Amino acid sequence: MLGWWLGSIAFIIIWVAIAFWPARVAARKGHSWFGYFLLSLVFFPAALIVAYLVADKTAPAPA
């Protein structure tokens, strides 16, 4: 019983920690950190792909 409980807590902590990855990538590109964090909590693989593929808002416009 205790092992299952501790395993569940560890899984949740790791899941939340990993959700910071797409959020940081998106924030560096000028997008909402909080929005991508929430998205990655629910759909981590999709959020990670979208964060890397989304356009960089902070980059200078091409001349």
Protein backbone atom coordinates (compact mmCIF):
# COMPACT_ATOMS: atom_id res chain seq x y z
CA MET A 1 0.00 0.00 0.00
CA LEU A 2 2.72 2.47 0.97
CA GLY A 3 4.79 1.63 -2.12
CA TRP A 4 1.86 2.34 -4.45
CA TRP A 5 1.20 5.65 -2.71
CA LEU A 6 4.84 6.75 -2.85
CA GLY A 7 5.09 5.67 -6.48
CA SER A 8 2.03 7.75 -7.35
CA ILE A 9 3.43 10.80 -5.59
CA ALA A 10 6.79 10.36 -7.37
CA PHE A 11 5.01 10.04 -10.73
CA ILE A 12 3.04 13.25 -10.16
CA ILE A 13 6.16 15.17 -9.09
CA ILE A 14 8.07 13.96 -12.16
CA TRP A 15 5.10 14.76 -14.46
CA VAL A 16 4.87 18.33 -13.15
CA ALA A 17 8.66 18.79 -13.35
CA ILE A 18 8.73 17.59 -16.97
CA ALA A 19 5.85 19.95 -17.83
CA PHE A 20 8.23 22.88 -17.27
CA TRP A 21 10.24 21.89 -20.38
CA PRO A 22 7.75 22.99 -23.11
CA ALA A 23 6.79 26.00 -21.00
CA ARG A 24 10.40 27.22 -20.88
CA VAL A 25 10.88 26.67 -24.61
CA ALA A 26 7.72 28.65 -25.39
CA ALA A 27 8.60 31.43 -22.95
CA ARG A 28 12.02 31.87 -24.58
CA LYS A 29 10.19 32.38 -27.87
CA GLY A 30 7.92 35.05 -26.38
CA HIS A 31 4.80 32.94 -25.81
CA SER A 32 2.78 32.38 -22.64
CA TRP A 33 4.71 30.31 -20.10
CA PHE A 34 1.59 29.55 -18.07
CA GLY A 35 -0.47 28.53 -21.10
CA TYR A 36 2.15 26.09 -22.32
CA PHE A 37 2.63 24.77 -18.80
CA LEU A 38 -1.07 23.95 -18.51
CA LEU A 39 -1.08 22.44 -22.00
CA SER A 40 1.93 20.29 -21.20
CA LEU A 41 0.34 19.01 -17.99
CA VAL A 42 -2.45 17.52 -20.09
CA PHE A 43 -0.82 16.85 -23.48
CA PHE A 44 2.93 16.77 -22.87
CA PRO A 45 4.12 15.31 -26.21
CA ALA A 46 1.94 17.66 -28.25
CA ALA A 47 2.94 20.68 -26.15
CA LEU A 48 6.63 19.87 -26.60
CA ILE A 49 6.29 19.56 -30.37
CA VAL A 50 4.23 22.75 -30.65
CA ALA A 51 6.66 24.68 -28.43
CA TYR A 52 9.57 23.81 -30.71
CA LEU A 53 7.63 24.46 -33.94
CA VAL A 54 5.94 27.74 -33.00
CA ALA A 55 7.40 30.95 -34.42
CA ASP A 56 9.80 32.99 -32.31
CA LYS A 57 8.13 36.30 -31.35
CA THR A 58 11.37 37.72 -29.95
CA ALA A 59 13.41 37.28 -33.14
CA PRO A 60 13.83 40.32 -35.37
CA ALA A 61 11.62 40.36 -38.45
CA PRO A 62 13.37 39.27 -41.64
CA ALA A 63 14.28 42.20 -43.83
